[in-house]
Amino acid sequence: MDISKCTDPDILKKQLENTLDNFRFNRYELLLKISELYKKKDKTEEANYAQYESAAFSLIVDMPNITFPGHFQPLIVYSDGSTIPSVDYFSKTVLDYLESRAISTKNPILSARFSDVVWDFRKGDVKIAKIAIDRYIECIGIYKKNLWAQEYASSISRAIQLASMINDSEYLLKLKVFSFKQLSALEKEEDYRYCIEIGEALANSKIQLDKNEEKDIITIFQKGIQYYTNNHEKNSKKLGPVDGPNDHLSNMLNNTLLSLHFKKKIKINVNDIKKKIAESYEKRGDEFFNAKNFIGSLMHYTKSEKIYVEIGLPEKSKEVRIKILNAGLKNYKNLNEISVETNIEKEKFDLYFKHLIGKNIKESLKLLSTAPHFIPITKDIEKLTDKLQDKFPLQAIIPKVLVDEKGSVQIVSEDEDIKNESVVCNMILDIKIGNIFLHQMFEELKKSQGLNPSVLTQHFHEWGYCTEDNIKILNLGFEHYFKGDFVSAIHLLIFQFEDLLRNLLRAAGVSIITPEKFSLLDTLIKNEKLESVGGKDLIEYYEVSLTRHNGLNLRNNIAHGLLPVKEMNDFTVERIIHLLLTLTRFKISNQEQK
């Protein structure tokens, strides 16, 4: 009979009631159609009943986002939080009707759904839960015969879950015996795929396993794992899939054994199983790499490396990290650069600059030189790095390749070193984003307070630690900046930082000469007295901006001609000027000079 053309609700209802091998996915739509047909015949009560049943079948399970408080979730969730059906729809009237139908119908598929919905929304009625369990058990044979694999697995899992929820010893024993019969049958048929759901359900249940049962389940799972390592043809007459080899299913079976071990204390060699899983991931990563799917290879290598570390195999971990590095480099070559444009409201700039704009330009420059704005806060960057590594684990393990200004290549592969590199990368990002605000700050000072070369030069002159030559070079650099000649400005100003720092330290009585030679800039920056006064954040800012080969490294890149021309822009000049201005926050007291 073609039910799509049938307009008699009684016939359709009878078909639905008596059929066990059809309507797999469309009971909800069919019951909704029956309700509409009854409405056309002015049979309001029958229409309502059909709608109640339709609502029960509209509910879905295994959803990651929990909207309703129990097992069943709504078919549709809107952005405002409203749902179809709503939780309020399942009133006492609706649930009472569904309970009566669960008891009266001879169709186990209908009864299982109606009784479970009543239990889920009402809770506490052990009698209705037992009806649901019994009907699910009936359904399992039907689903297996129909090869409805998803329904087969979910029915066993839900029956075990319900027995644990009501904590009834008779039903727990009943489900244990039934589960092992199903496992034995799947083993006999070499149809191991859905042993996984049964095993996971047992692991999460209140069912207790004796030693013989532990041995039996381990044996069945080990056979399944071995089965999926061999070649097998597809077979559409099994619940399946039964074709192999299938590393994914082998891993799932192994992971279920681990669940049974940790939750039911069954005795297995945990490290041996984890090693097999790691080897499987590594092998799969190799396959993806050879197929030039570098993202896929990275995902599998990452899982493999994590397990090798966990079970204490550092050499294997290093081997996989090299593979991660190679896959990462290959993937990097396939990446395309994209440009992104974002708009920031003027009000947000004004709020950010609120405490940086003084009564006049002299006061504003003093505020800019002493404020924490535009200087990364190390602790915040470290916290951000931890969050990002939790969200994107590849960041935490992919080795990094560093090339310094001398051309030396270094591969960073240890966990702590990789994290430190990630912190520096995020600090660089913080500085570059800050460049946008810093640029606006300079533009505002030019526009509203008359910032010009003379004003900047006067600020450094009044600071008191600049030589006559320093003042001349600074003024020339500022003039080139205001003319738009950023390349010249950069080359004039960058090297003044080191000279001004030497002047400052010399005035503080700090030796700037070792027995053999002048101290280099990175040594001067790390001076203990400077850090004790300026703070860790400022010193990190100086190092990342000027001297670290894995940072912006402005001083060395400019000195060796390595800074790309496209980066010789107003943003870079303004950052250098800011670095110079921060030195003017320091003053040497008479006591320090002595």
Protein backbone atom coordinates (compact mmCIF):
# COMPACT_ATOMS: atom_id res chain seq x y z
CA MET A 1 0.00 0.00 0.00
CA ASP A 2 1.27 3.47 -0.94
CA ILE A 3 0.71 5.38 2.28
CA SER A 4 1.79 8.66 0.65
CA LYS A 5 -1.51 8.66 -1.31
CA CYS A 6 -3.71 7.40 1.51
CA THR A 7 -6.07 10.00 3.00
CA ASP A 8 -7.81 7.77 5.54
CA PRO A 9 -6.29 8.42 8.99
CA ASP A 10 -7.70 5.18 10.43
CA ILE A 11 -5.94 3.08 7.80
CA LEU A 12 -2.69 4.96 8.27
CA LYS A 13 -2.90 4.57 12.04
CA LYS A 14 -3.52 0.82 11.65
CA GLN A 15 -0.54 0.52 9.31
CA LEU A 16 1.70 2.30 11.80
CA GLU A 17 0.43 0.17 14.68
CA ASN A 18 0.96 -3.18 13.00
CA THR A 19 4.16 -2.63 11.02
CA LEU A 20 7.61 -3.40 12.45
CA ASP A 21 9.77 -3.27 9.33
CA ASN A 22 8.80 0.11 7.86
CA PHE A 23 8.52 3.79 8.82
CA ARG A 24 12.11 3.77 10.08
CA PHE A 25 12.60 7.52 9.91
CA ASN A 26 9.17 8.99 9.24
CA ARG A 27 6.91 8.06 12.16
CA TYR A 28 6.92 11.70 13.23
CA GLU A 29 5.77 12.94 9.79
CA LEU A 30 3.23 10.14 9.42
CA LEU A 31 1.65 10.83 12.81
CA LEU A 32 1.54 14.53 11.97
CA LYS A 33 -0.25 13.66 8.72
CA ILE A 34 -2.73 11.47 10.63
CA SER A 35 -3.44 14.38 12.99
CA GLU A 36 -4.10 16.76 10.08
CA LEU A 37 -6.41 14.24 8.40
CA TYR A 38 -8.40 13.80 11.62
CA LYS A 39 -8.72 17.58 11.89
CA LYS A 40 -10.25 17.70 8.42
CA LYS A 41 -12.80 15.16 9.59
CA ASP A 42 -13.50 17.27 12.71
CA LYS A 43 -12.24 14.48 14.96
CA THR A 44 -10.49 16.78 17.39
CA GLU A 45 -9.74 14.19 20.07
CA GLU A 46 -8.15 11.74 17.62
CA ALA A 47 -6.20 14.63 16.03
CA ASN A 48 -4.83 15.65 19.42
CA TYR A 49 -3.81 12.11 20.29
CA ALA A 50 -1.96 11.72 17.00
CA GLN A 51 -0.23 15.03 17.63
CA TYR A 52 0.87 13.89 21.10
CA GLU A 53 2.41 10.79 19.57
CA SER A 54 4.00 12.84 16.79
CA ALA A 55 5.61 15.12 19.38
CA ALA A 56 7.08 12.08 21.17
CA PHE A 57 8.71 10.89 17.94
CA SER A 58 9.92 14.38 17.04
CA LEU A 59 12.35 14.28 19.98
CA ILE A 60 15.95 13.37 19.20
CA VAL A 61 18.84 11.91 21.21
CA ASP A 62 22.65 12.00 21.24
CA MET A 63 22.79 15.77 20.84
CA PRO A 64 25.86 17.71 22.08
CA ASN A 65 23.85 20.78 23.10
CA ILE A 66 21.53 20.11 26.02
CA THR A 67 18.31 22.14 25.90
CA PHE A 68 15.91 19.84 27.73
CA PRO A 69 17.02 18.44 31.11
CA GLY A 70 16.95 14.74 30.19
CA HIS A 71 17.72 12.16 27.51
CA PHE A 72 15.43 13.53 24.81
CA GLN A 73 16.04 16.86 23.09
CA PRO A 74 13.87 19.07 20.84
CA LEU A 75 13.82 18.71 17.08
CA ILE A 76 14.51 22.43 16.53
CA VAL A 77 16.21 25.03 18.74
CA TYR A 78 15.95 28.68 17.66
CA SER A 79 18.51 31.38 18.40
CA ASP A 80 16.19 32.95 20.99
CA GLY A 81 16.10 29.66 22.93
CA SER A 82 12.60 28.64 21.88
CA THR A 83 12.15 25.06 20.71
CA ILE A 84 9.92 22.74 18.70
CA PRO A 85 8.38 21.05 20.54
CA SER A 86 8.61 23.13 23.70
CA VAL A 87 9.30 21.49 27.03
CA ASP A 88 5.96 22.82 28.27
CA TYR A 89 4.15 20.92 25.53
CA PHE A 90 4.65 17.70 27.51
CA SER A 91 2.00 18.50 30.06
CA LYS A 92 0.33 16.06 32.44
CA THR A 93 -2.41 15.49 29.86
CA VAL A 94 0.10 14.60 27.13
CA LEU A 95 2.21 12.37 29.40
CA ASP A 96 -0.84 10.57 30.81
CA TYR A 97 -1.96 9.77 27.28
CA LEU A 98 1.48 8.57 26.21
CA GLU A 99 1.66 6.35 29.31
CA SER A 100 -1.66 4.75 28.49
CA ARG A 101 -0.51 4.14 24.90
CA ALA A 102 2.80 2.67 26.09
CA ILE A 103 0.83 0.11 28.10
CA SER A 104 -1.91 -0.63 25.56
CA THR A 105 -0.02 -0.84 22.25
CA LYS A 106 1.38 -4.18 21.11
CA ASN A 107 3.96 -2.45 18.94
CA PRO A 108 7.24 -2.49 20.93
CA ILE A 109 8.74 0.36 18.87
CA LEU A 110 5.87 2.67 19.78
CA SER A 111 5.71 1.45 23.38
CA ALA A 112 9.46 1.90 23.95
CA ARG A 113 9.35 5.50 22.73
CA PHE A 114 6.19 6.50 24.58
CA SER A 115 7.23 4.95 27.91
CA ASP A 116 10.74 6.39 27.73
CA VAL A 117 9.44 9.89 26.99
CA VAL A 118 7.10 9.63 29.99
CA TRP A 119 9.99 8.50 32.21
CA ASP A 120 12.28 11.22 30.90
CA PHE A 121 9.86 14.07 31.57
CA ARG A 122 8.32 12.70 34.74
CA LYS A 123 11.08 10.69 36.45
CA GLY A 124 10.46 8.58 39.53
CA ASP A 125 7.91 6.19 37.98
CA VAL A 126 9.90 2.94 38.09
CA LYS A 127 7.01 1.02 36.56
CA ILE A 128 7.10 3.03 33.33
CA ALA A 129 10.90 2.73 33.19
CA LYS A 130 10.63 -1.06 33.38
CA ILE A 131 8.11 -1.02 30.54
CA ALA A 132 10.58 0.99 28.47
CA ILE A 133 13.41 -1.47 29.23
CA ASP A 134 11.29 -4.50 28.33
CA ARG A 135 10.11 -2.92 25.09
CA TYR A 136 13.65 -1.86 24.11
CA ILE A 137 14.75 -5.47 24.57
CA GLU A 138 11.94 -6.57 22.25
CA CYS A 139 12.95 -3.93 19.72
CA ILE A 140 16.58 -5.09 19.61
CA GLY A 141 15.68 -8.33 17.83
CA ILE A 142 13.52 -6.40 15.35
CA TYR A 143 16.24 -3.86 14.64
CA LYS A 144 18.86 -6.56 14.13
CA LYS A 145 16.61 -8.41 11.71
CA ASN A 146 15.93 -5.18 9.81
CA LEU A 147 19.65 -4.27 9.91
CA TRP A 148 18.78 -0.97 11.59
CA ALA A 149 22.19 -0.66 13.22
CA GLN A 150 21.78 2.76 14.83
CA GLU A 151 18.51 1.79 16.49
CA TYR A 152 19.99 -1.57 17.54
CA ALA A 153 22.91 0.08 19.35
CA SER A 154 20.94 2.92 20.93
CA SER A 155 18.23 0.56 22.24
CA ILE A 156 20.75 -1.63 24.09
CA SER A 157 22.57 1.40 25.47
CA ARG A 158 19.37 3.07 26.63
CA ALA A 159 18.00 -0.11 28.23
CA ILE A 160 21.23 -0.53 30.23
CA GLN A 161 21.15 3.15 31.18
CA LEU A 162 17.54 2.95 32.40
CA ALA A 163 18.26 -0.19 34.45
CA SER A 164 21.12 1.70 36.13
CA MET A 165 18.95 4.76 36.74
CA ILE A 166 16.29 2.79 38.59
CA ASN A 167 19.06 0.65 40.16
CA ASP A 168 16.92 -2.48 40.10
CA SER A 169 19.04 -5.62 40.72
CA GLU A 170 16.67 -7.86 38.76
CA TYR A 171 16.80 -5.63 35.69
CA LEU A 172 20.55 -5.05 36.01
CA LEU A 173 21.08 -8.83 35.94
CA LYS A 174 18.60 -9.18 33.11
CA LEU A 175 20.45 -6.58 31.02
CA LYS A 176 23.84 -8.11 31.80
CA VAL A 177 22.75 -11.54 30.61
CA PHE A 178 21.09 -10.03 27.55
CA SER A 179 24.16 -7.91 26.70
CA PHE A 180 26.52 -10.87 26.82
CA LYS A 181 24.17 -12.87 24.59
CA GLN A 182 24.32 -10.03 22.08
CA LEU A 183 28.13 -9.82 22.33
CA SER A 184 28.44 -13.59 21.81
CA ALA A 185 26.11 -13.45 18.81
CA LEU A 186 28.08 -10.58 17.25
CA GLU A 187 31.31 -12.51 17.86
CA LYS A 188 29.92 -15.63 16.22
CA GLU A 189 28.78 -13.63 13.19
CA GLU A 190 32.09 -11.67 13.07
CA ASP A 191 30.02 -8.50 13.22
CA TYR A 192 32.03 -6.65 15.87
CA ARG A 193 31.19 -3.02 15.12
CA TYR A 194 28.36 -2.67 17.65
CA CYS A 195 30.21 -4.44 20.43
CA ILE A 196 31.59 -0.95 21.03
CA GLU A 197 28.28 0.59 22.12
CA ILE A 198 27.44 -2.42 24.30
CA GLY A 199 30.86 -2.26 25.96
CA GLU A 200 30.62 1.49 26.58
CA ALA A 201 27.10 1.09 28.02
CA LEU A 202 28.34 -1.62 30.40
CA ALA A 203 31.32 0.53 31.40
CA ASN A 204 29.01 3.43 32.34
CA SER A 205 26.41 1.28 34.10
CA LYS A 206 25.88 -0.10 37.59
CA ILE A 207 26.23 -3.64 36.24
CA GLN A 208 29.02 -5.56 38.00
CA LEU A 209 31.17 -8.06 36.08
CA ASP A 210 32.71 -11.19 37.58
CA LYS A 211 36.14 -12.50 36.54
CA ASN A 212 34.75 -14.89 33.94
CA GLU A 213 32.66 -12.14 32.40
CA GLU A 214 35.71 -9.88 32.31
CA LYS A 215 37.68 -12.58 30.50
CA ASP A 216 34.82 -13.14 28.05
CA ILE A 217 34.47 -9.48 27.13
CA ILE A 218 38.25 -9.06 26.75
CA THR A 219 38.39 -12.10 24.47
CA ILE A 220 35.53 -10.84 22.29
CA PHE A 221 37.08 -7.39 21.96
CA GLN A 222 40.54 -8.76 21.20
CA LYS A 223 39.04 -10.89 18.45
CA GLY A 224 37.30 -7.80 17.08
CA ILE A 225 40.53 -5.81 17.14
CA GLN A 226 42.35 -8.59 15.30
CA TYR A 227 39.48 -8.93 12.85
CA TYR A 228 39.70 -5.28 11.81
CA THR A 229 43.46 -5.52 11.21
CA ASN A 230 42.88 -8.08 8.42
CA ASN A 231 41.40 -7.89 4.94
CA HIS A 232 37.64 -8.51 4.71
CA GLU A 233 35.07 -7.84 2.02
CA LYS A 234 31.99 -5.69 2.51
CA ASN A 235 28.79 -7.48 3.47
CA SER A 236 25.51 -5.59 3.30
CA LYS A 237 23.74 -8.37 5.21
CA LYS A 238 25.54 -7.51 8.44
CA LEU A 239 24.97 -4.66 10.88
CA GLY A 240 28.58 -3.77 10.04
CA PRO A 241 30.65 -2.35 8.67
CA VAL A 242 32.57 -5.63 8.50
CA ASP A 243 35.09 -4.79 5.76
CA GLY A 244 38.71 -4.39 6.76
CA PRO A 245 41.32 -3.45 7.56
CA ASN A 246 39.74 -0.65 9.59
CA ASP A 247 42.12 1.11 12.00
CA HIS A 248 39.37 3.43 13.19
CA LEU A 249 37.21 0.58 14.49
CA SER A 250 40.24 -1.18 15.98
CA ASN A 251 40.99 1.99 17.94
CA MET A 252 37.37 2.31 19.06
CA LEU A 253 37.40 -1.28 20.35
CA ASN A 254 40.70 -0.62 22.15
CA ASN A 255 39.33 2.59 23.66
CA THR A 256 36.26 0.73 24.91
CA LEU A 257 38.54 -1.78 26.63
CA LEU A 258 40.24 1.18 28.32
CA SER A 259 36.84 2.50 29.45
CA LEU A 260 36.00 -0.91 30.92
CA HIS A 261 39.36 -0.95 32.68
CA PHE A 262 39.07 2.49 34.25
CA LYS A 263 35.38 2.19 35.13
CA LYS A 264 34.96 -1.54 35.80
CA LYS A 265 38.54 -2.41 36.79
CA ILE A 266 38.89 -5.21 34.24
CA LYS A 267 42.52 -6.33 34.03
CA ILE A 268 44.28 -5.37 30.82
CA ASN A 269 47.73 -4.10 29.86
CA VAL A 270 46.83 -0.41 29.58
CA ASN A 271 50.15 0.78 28.14
CA ASP A 272 50.16 -2.00 25.56
CA ILE A 273 46.69 -1.00 24.35
CA LYS A 274 47.57 2.69 24.32
CA LYS A 275 50.73 1.91 22.36
CA LYS A 276 48.67 0.05 19.74
CA ILE A 277 46.33 3.04 19.47
CA ALA A 278 49.30 5.40 19.11
CA GLU A 279 50.86 3.20 16.41
CA SER A 280 47.54 3.11 14.60
CA TYR A 281 47.26 6.90 14.65
CA GLU A 282 50.84 7.21 13.44
CA LYS A 283 50.19 4.75 10.62
CA ARG A 284 47.05 6.63 9.62
CA GLY A 285 49.02 9.87 9.71
CA ASP A 286 51.56 8.35 7.32
CA GLU A 287 48.75 7.38 4.95
CA PHE A 288 47.33 10.91 4.98
CA PHE A 289 50.82 12.38 4.47
CA ASN A 290 51.48 10.13 1.46
CA ALA A 291 48.12 11.18 0.05
CA LYS A 292 49.22 14.84 0.49
CA ASN A 293 46.46 15.44 3.04
CA PHE A 294 48.72 17.25 5.48
CA ILE A 295 45.94 18.50 7.76
CA GLY A 296 44.73 14.91 8.18
CA SER A 297 48.25 13.71 8.88
CA LEU A 298 48.76 16.45 11.50
CA MET A 299 45.57 15.46 13.31
CA HIS A 300 46.62 11.80 13.54
CA TYR A 301 50.27 12.49 14.34
CA THR A 302 49.14 14.82 17.14
CA LYS A 303 47.01 12.11 18.76
CA SER A 304 49.83 9.60 18.37
CA GLU A 305 52.48 11.87 19.89
CA LYS A 306 50.29 12.71 22.88
CA ILE A 307 49.83 9.02 23.71
CA TYR A 308 53.54 8.22 23.31
CA VAL A 309 54.32 10.95 25.86
CA GLU A 310 51.59 9.66 28.18
CA ILE A 311 52.95 6.10 28.25
CA GLY A 312 56.58 7.19 28.59
CA LEU A 313 58.04 6.60 25.15
CA PRO A 314 60.05 9.81 24.55
CA GLU A 315 61.99 8.45 21.56
CA LYS A 316 58.78 7.56 19.72
CA SER A 317 57.40 10.96 20.68
CA LYS A 318 60.43 12.67 19.10
CA GLU A 319 60.07 10.60 15.93
CA VAL A 320 56.45 11.65 15.56
CA ARG A 321 57.30 15.28 16.29
CA ILE A 322 59.66 15.22 13.33
CA LYS A 323 56.76 13.92 11.23
CA ILE A 324 54.56 16.69 12.64
CA LEU A 325 57.22 19.23 11.66
CA ASN A 326 57.43 17.88 8.11
CA ALA A 327 53.66 17.78 7.73
CA GLY A 328 53.42 21.29 9.16
CA LEU A 329 55.97 22.65 6.71
CA LYS A 330 54.23 20.94 3.79
CA ASN A 331 50.89 22.30 4.93
CA TYR A 332 52.35 25.79 5.38
CA LYS A 333 53.42 25.83 1.73
CA ASN A 334 49.81 25.14 0.74
CA LEU A 335 48.42 28.04 2.76
CA ASN A 336 47.30 31.18 0.98
CA GLU A 337 47.69 34.63 2.50
CA ILE A 338 44.41 36.43 3.10
CA SER A 339 43.75 40.04 4.02
CA VAL A 340 41.29 41.03 6.72
CA GLU A 341 39.80 44.44 7.28
CA THR A 342 38.16 45.49 10.55
CA ASN A 343 36.56 48.72 11.65
CA ILE A 344 37.15 50.10 15.15
CA GLU A 345 34.77 52.79 16.34
CA LYS A 346 36.33 56.17 17.16
CA GLU A 347 34.71 56.05 20.59
CA LYS A 348 36.81 52.98 21.45
CA PHE A 349 39.99 54.78 20.44
CA ASP A 350 38.97 57.80 22.50
CA LEU A 351 38.33 55.58 25.53
CA TYR A 352 41.72 53.88 25.14
CA PHE A 353 43.53 57.25 24.85
CA LYS A 354 41.59 58.87 27.69
CA HIS A 355 44.49 58.71 30.15
CA LEU A 356 47.20 59.40 27.56
CA ILE A 357 46.11 62.85 26.34
CA GLY A 358 47.40 65.53 28.67
CA LYS A 359 46.69 69.24 28.88
CA ASN A 360 49.43 69.93 26.35
CA ILE A 361 51.86 68.04 24.12
CA LYS A 362 54.62 68.10 26.74
CA GLU A 363 52.39 66.37 29.28
CA SER A 364 51.04 63.92 26.68
CA LEU A 365 54.55 62.76 25.71
CA LYS A 366 55.38 62.26 29.38
CA LEU A 367 52.21 60.17 29.83
CA LEU A 368 52.97 58.15 26.70
CA SER A 369 56.49 57.39 27.89
CA THR A 370 55.38 56.14 31.33
CA ALA A 371 51.99 54.49 30.63
CA PRO A 372 51.65 50.67 30.37
CA HIS A 373 49.70 51.12 27.13
CA PHE A 374 51.29 49.47 24.05
CA ILE A 375 53.48 47.23 26.26
CA PRO A 376 52.41 43.55 26.38
CA ILE A 377 51.59 42.21 29.86
CA THR A 378 53.57 38.98 30.13
CA LYS A 379 51.23 37.15 32.52
CA ASP A 380 48.21 37.93 30.35
CA ILE A 381 50.04 36.68 27.25
CA GLU A 382 50.99 33.45 29.05
CA LYS A 383 47.38 32.86 30.13
CA LEU A 384 46.19 33.53 26.58
CA THR A 385 48.75 31.05 25.26
CA ASP A 386 47.51 28.35 27.66
CA LYS A 387 43.92 28.92 26.56
CA LEU A 388 44.84 28.79 22.87
CA GLN A 389 46.87 25.59 23.35
CA ASP A 390 43.91 23.98 25.13
CA LYS A 391 41.62 24.96 22.27
CA PHE A 392 44.12 24.23 19.48
CA PRO A 393 46.38 21.38 20.74
CA LEU A 394 48.57 21.42 17.63
CA GLN A 395 50.02 24.73 18.84
CA ALA A 396 51.42 22.92 21.86
CA ILE A 397 53.30 20.14 20.09
CA ILE A 398 54.21 21.11 16.53
CA PRO A 399 57.98 21.73 16.49
CA LYS A 400 58.99 25.22 15.37
CA VAL A 401 61.82 26.10 13.00
CA LEU A 402 63.72 29.27 13.92
CA VAL A 403 66.28 31.07 11.75
CA ASP A 404 68.38 33.82 13.35
CA GLU A 405 70.01 36.79 11.61
CA LYS A 406 73.18 34.75 11.09
CA GLY A 407 71.27 32.10 9.17
CA SER A 408 71.52 29.48 11.94
CA VAL A 409 68.59 27.04 11.99
CA GLN A 410 67.15 25.78 15.27
CA ILE A 411 64.33 23.27 15.71
CA VAL A 412 62.33 23.75 18.90
CA SER A 413 60.63 20.49 19.89
CA GLU A 414 60.47 20.26 23.71
CA ASP A 415 57.07 21.06 25.26
CA GLU A 416 58.25 23.96 27.42
CA ASP A 417 60.33 25.45 24.60
CA ILE A 418 57.38 25.25 22.20
CA LYS A 419 55.20 26.99 24.77
CA ASN A 420 57.79 29.75 25.20
CA GLU A 421 57.90 30.22 21.43
CA SER A 422 54.11 30.44 21.38
CA VAL A 423 54.22 33.08 24.12
CA VAL A 424 56.62 35.15 22.01
CA CYS A 425 54.40 34.72 18.93
CA ASN A 426 51.38 35.96 20.87
CA MET A 427 53.44 38.85 22.26
CA ILE A 428 54.39 39.85 18.71
CA LEU A 429 50.72 39.71 17.74
CA ASP A 430 49.85 41.89 20.73
CA ILE A 431 52.47 44.45 19.67
CA LYS A 432 51.30 44.46 16.04
CA ILE A 433 47.66 44.93 17.03
CA GLY A 434 48.83 47.67 19.39
CA ASN A 435 50.49 49.38 16.40
CA ILE A 436 47.02 50.27 15.12
CA PHE A 437 46.20 52.12 18.33
CA LEU A 438 49.67 53.62 18.60
CA HIS A 439 49.34 55.02 15.07
CA GLN A 440 46.01 56.60 15.96
CA MET A 441 47.61 58.05 19.08
CA PHE A 442 50.32 59.77 17.02
CA GLU A 443 47.74 61.04 14.52
CA GLU A 444 45.66 62.48 17.36
CA LEU A 445 48.69 64.21 18.90
CA LYS A 446 49.65 65.70 15.53
CA LYS A 447 46.13 66.94 14.94
CA SER A 448 45.10 68.22 18.36
CA GLN A 449 48.36 69.15 20.10
CA GLY A 450 50.76 69.98 17.27
CA LEU A 451 53.18 67.08 17.55
CA ASN A 452 56.18 67.75 15.27
CA PRO A 453 59.94 67.01 15.06
CA SER A 454 60.89 69.95 17.27
CA VAL A 455 58.49 68.92 20.03
CA LEU A 456 59.83 65.35 20.06
CA THR A 457 63.44 66.52 19.98
CA GLN A 458 62.80 68.96 22.85
CA HIS A 459 61.32 66.10 24.94
CA PHE A 460 64.55 64.10 24.65
CA HIS A 461 66.72 67.19 25.22
CA GLU A 462 64.89 67.95 28.48
CA TRP A 463 65.26 64.33 29.56
CA GLY A 464 68.95 65.08 30.07
CA TYR A 465 70.73 61.90 28.96
CA CYS A 466 71.25 62.67 25.27
CA THR A 467 74.54 63.88 23.82
CA GLU A 468 74.65 66.60 21.22
CA ASP A 469 75.07 63.96 18.52
CA ASN A 470 72.08 62.01 19.85
CA ILE A 471 69.91 65.11 19.60
CA LYS A 472 71.01 65.83 16.04
CA ILE A 473 70.37 62.27 14.84
CA LEU A 474 67.03 62.03 16.68
CA ASN A 475 65.85 65.32 15.17
CA LEU A 476 66.89 64.21 11.69
CA GLY A 477 65.05 60.90 12.15
CA PHE A 478 61.90 62.67 13.36
CA GLU A 479 62.03 65.04 10.36
CA HIS A 480 62.22 62.11 7.92
CA TYR A 481 59.25 60.49 9.71
CA PHE A 482 57.08 63.60 9.40
CA LYS A 483 58.04 63.91 5.72
CA GLY A 484 56.93 60.34 5.06
CA ASP A 485 60.46 59.04 4.44
CA PHE A 486 60.01 56.06 6.75
CA VAL A 487 62.99 54.04 5.48
CA SER A 488 65.44 56.79 6.43
CA ALA A 489 63.66 57.47 9.73
CA ILE A 490 63.90 53.79 10.73
CA HIS A 491 67.62 53.55 10.01
CA LEU A 492 68.39 56.78 11.86
CA LEU A 493 66.29 56.11 14.96
CA ILE A 494 66.67 52.38 15.68
CA PHE A 495 70.33 52.53 16.68
CA GLN A 496 69.74 55.48 18.98
CA PHE A 497 67.98 53.19 21.44
CA GLU A 498 71.22 51.38 22.31
CA ASP A 499 73.17 54.60 22.62
CA LEU A 500 70.57 56.25 24.84
CA LEU A 501 70.39 53.15 27.02
CA ARG A 502 74.18 53.21 27.42
CA ASN A 503 73.99 56.88 28.44
CA LEU A 504 71.32 56.08 31.00
CA LEU A 505 73.14 53.10 32.52
CA ARG A 506 76.44 54.96 32.58
CA ALA A 507 74.75 57.77 34.48
CA ALA A 508 73.46 55.19 36.97
CA GLY A 509 76.99 53.92 37.56
CA VAL A 510 76.46 50.67 35.67
CA SER A 511 79.46 49.30 33.79
CA ILE A 512 78.73 49.05 30.09
CA ILE A 513 82.11 47.54 29.22
CA THR A 514 83.28 43.97 29.79
CA PRO A 515 87.04 43.25 30.06
CA GLU A 516 87.08 42.41 26.35
CA LYS A 517 84.53 44.68 24.70
CA PHE A 518 81.40 46.82 24.92
CA SER A 519 78.36 44.96 26.26
CA LEU A 520 75.91 44.15 23.47
CA LEU A 521 72.38 45.52 23.45
CA ASP A 522 70.77 42.28 24.66
CA THR A 523 73.15 42.30 27.65
CA LEU A 524 72.35 45.95 28.42
CA ILE A 525 68.62 45.28 28.30
CA LYS A 526 68.95 42.43 30.82
CA ASN A 527 70.71 44.65 33.34
CA GLU A 528 69.40 43.79 36.82
CA LYS A 529 69.05 47.40 37.93
CA LEU A 530 67.08 48.30 34.81
CA GLU A 531 64.70 45.33 35.31
CA SER A 532 64.24 46.03 39.02
CA VAL A 533 63.10 49.57 38.23
CA GLY A 534 61.38 49.07 34.88
CA GLY A 535 59.74 45.70 35.57
CA LYS A 536 59.64 42.39 33.71
CA ASP A 537 57.02 43.48 31.17
CA LEU A 538 59.12 46.40 29.92
CA ILE A 539 62.27 44.25 29.61
CA GLU A 540 60.31 41.57 27.69
CA TYR A 541 58.98 44.34 25.45
CA TYR A 542 62.52 45.56 24.71
CA GLU A 543 63.84 42.06 24.02
CA VAL A 544 60.98 40.91 21.78
CA SER A 545 60.93 44.19 19.88
CA LEU A 546 64.66 44.66 19.44
CA THR A 547 66.94 41.67 19.98
CA ARG A 548 65.24 38.27 20.15
CA HIS A 549 65.79 36.33 16.94
CA ASN A 550 62.32 34.78 17.34
CA GLY A 551 60.75 38.17 18.06
CA LEU A 552 60.36 41.28 15.93
CA ASN A 553 64.15 41.65 16.29
CA LEU A 554 64.01 45.15 14.80
CA ARG A 555 67.50 46.25 15.78
CA ASN A 556 69.27 43.21 14.31
CA ASN A 557 67.04 42.83 11.26
CA ILE A 558 67.62 46.47 10.32
CA ALA A 559 71.35 46.24 11.02
CA HIS A 560 71.71 43.20 8.76
CA GLY A 561 69.34 44.41 6.05
CA LEU A 562 66.76 41.71 6.79
CA LEU A 563 63.69 43.86 7.45
CA PRO A 564 61.34 43.62 4.42
CA VAL A 565 60.75 46.93 2.66
CA LYS A 566 56.96 46.59 3.11
CA GLU A 567 57.53 46.66 6.88
CA MET A 568 59.50 49.91 6.68
CA ASN A 569 56.36 51.95 7.23
CA ASP A 570 54.91 54.53 9.59
CA PHE A 571 53.77 51.82 12.04
CA THR A 572 57.36 50.63 12.47
CA VAL A 573 58.74 54.15 12.92
CA GLU A 574 56.09 54.91 15.54
CA ARG A 575 56.91 51.72 17.39
CA ILE A 576 60.61 52.68 17.45
CA ILE A 577 59.72 56.17 18.69
CA HIS A 578 57.62 54.59 21.44
CA LEU A 579 60.56 52.37 22.44
CA LEU A 580 62.76 55.48 22.65
CA LEU A 581 60.13 57.35 24.64
CA THR A 582 59.91 54.60 27.26
CA LEU A 583 63.57 55.21 28.11
CA THR A 584 62.68 58.73 29.15
CA ARG A 585 60.59 57.38 32.04
CA PHE A 586 63.89 56.76 33.88
CA LYS A 587 65.66 59.41 35.92
CA ILE A 588 68.85 58.94 37.93
CA SER A 589 68.78 60.22 41.50
CA ASN A 590 71.83 61.81 43.14
CA GLN A 591 72.17 58.78 45.41
CA GLU A 592 72.30 56.43 42.39
CA GLN A 593 74.94 58.59 40.73
CA LYS A 594 77.12 58.34 43.84
